[in-house]
Protein backbone atom coordinates (compact mmCIF):
# COMPACT_ATOMS: atom_id res chain seq x y z
CA UNK A 1 91.04 -30.25 209.13
CA UNK A 2 90.28 -32.44 211.61
CA UNK A 3 92.80 -35.60 212.54
CA UNK A 4 90.41 -37.48 215.04
CA UNK A 5 91.20 -39.38 218.22
CA UNK A 6 89.19 -40.76 221.16
CA UNK A 7 87.05 -43.89 220.69
CA UNK A 8 83.86 -43.51 222.25
CA UNK A 9 81.16 -42.30 220.03
CA UNK A 10 78.04 -40.93 221.66
CA UNK A 11 74.72 -41.24 220.08
CA UNK A 12 72.96 -39.28 217.62
CA UNK A 13 72.75 -35.84 218.47
CA UNK A 14 69.32 -35.10 216.27
CA UNK A 15 69.39 -31.04 216.40
CA UNK A 16 66.48 -29.87 214.36
CA UNK A 17 67.39 -27.65 211.13
CA UNK A 18 66.26 -24.10 213.02
CA UNK A 19 67.78 -24.87 215.97
CA UNK A 20 71.09 -25.75 213.95
CA UNK A 21 70.77 -22.38 211.99
CA UNK A 22 70.22 -20.46 215.16
CA UNK A 23 73.12 -22.12 216.74
CA UNK A 24 75.12 -21.47 213.65
CA UNK A 25 74.07 -17.87 213.95
CA UNK A 26 75.67 -16.98 217.01
CA UNK A 27 78.88 -18.70 216.53
CA UNK A 28 82.17 -17.32 215.61
CA UNK A 29 84.04 -19.39 213.26
CA UNK A 30 88.06 -18.65 213.66
CA UNK A 31 89.94 -17.49 210.35
CA UNK A 32 93.48 -18.17 210.59
CA UNK A 33 95.84 -21.16 211.07
CA UNK A 34 93.08 -23.99 210.23
CA UNK A 35 94.02 -23.62 206.23
CA UNK A 36 97.44 -24.37 207.35
CA UNK A 37 97.43 -26.89 209.55
CA UNK A 38 95.51 -30.39 210.48
CA UNK A 39 94.11 -30.21 213.98
CA UNK A 40 92.87 -32.46 216.70
CA UNK A 41 89.98 -32.89 217.39
CA UNK A 42 87.77 -35.65 219.17
CA UNK A 43 86.46 -38.46 216.53
CA UNK A 44 82.59 -37.78 217.93
CA UNK A 45 82.36 -34.49 217.20
CA UNK A 46 84.12 -34.82 213.70
CA UNK A 47 80.94 -37.42 212.99
CA UNK A 48 78.81 -35.28 214.44
CA UNK A 49 79.83 -32.12 212.58
CA UNK A 50 80.01 -34.09 209.25
CA UNK A 51 76.30 -35.22 209.57
CA UNK A 52 74.88 -32.09 211.09
CA UNK A 53 77.47 -29.61 209.59
CA UNK A 54 78.52 -27.86 213.30
CA UNK A 55 81.70 -26.46 213.94
CA UNK A 56 84.13 -28.51 215.82
CA UNK A 57 86.89 -27.06 218.19
CA UNK A 58 90.53 -28.43 217.92
CA UNK A 59 92.55 -28.87 220.99
CA UNK A 60 94.24 -25.79 220.53
CA UNK A 61 91.25 -23.72 220.47
CA UNK A 62 89.99 -23.42 216.54
CA UNK A 63 86.79 -23.57 216.29
CA UNK A 64 85.84 -23.87 212.04
CA UNK A 65 83.90 -26.79 209.94
CA UNK A 66 86.05 -29.43 208.76
CA UNK A 67 85.77 -30.02 204.52
CA UNK A 68 89.42 -31.13 204.11
CA UNK A 69 91.74 -34.29 203.62
CA UNK A 70 93.46 -33.84 207.18
CA UNK A 71 96.00 -36.02 205.85
CA UNK A 72 97.34 -32.90 203.42
CA UNK A 73 98.62 -30.58 205.61
CA UNK A 74 100.85 -30.92 208.50
CA UNK A 75 99.65 -31.24 212.36
CA UNK A 76 99.13 -27.89 214.35
CA UNK A 77 101.87 -27.53 216.78
CA UNK A 78 99.75 -26.23 219.45
CA UNK A 79 97.40 -29.51 219.08
CA UNK A 80 99.82 -31.82 218.99
CA UNK A 81 102.02 -30.40 222.03
CA UNK A 82 98.55 -30.89 223.51
CA UNK A 83 97.75 -34.20 222.94
CA UNK A 84 101.09 -35.20 223.71
CA UNK A 85 100.32 -34.09 227.57
CA UNK A 86 96.92 -35.65 227.24
CA UNK A 87 98.39 -39.33 226.49
CA UNK A 88 101.25 -39.22 229.43
């Protein structure tokens, strides 16, 4: 579950399928509370993940591939604290 922030959407990131597979092969996705919380992630990263399947990293450091509705889960307390500091 990912909650987008930021409004700057960069252009397409066109990765070849084999490059993406190599990248993901070496990535260690974290288990843990990402199934229990919605996390803050830059909007452009959510869009990129939706197109390429590339994992995202939340403000709190969690790394995963979003695939669930963030509206159904409470916001990660660590992400929320970091986001509030960023807004000031």
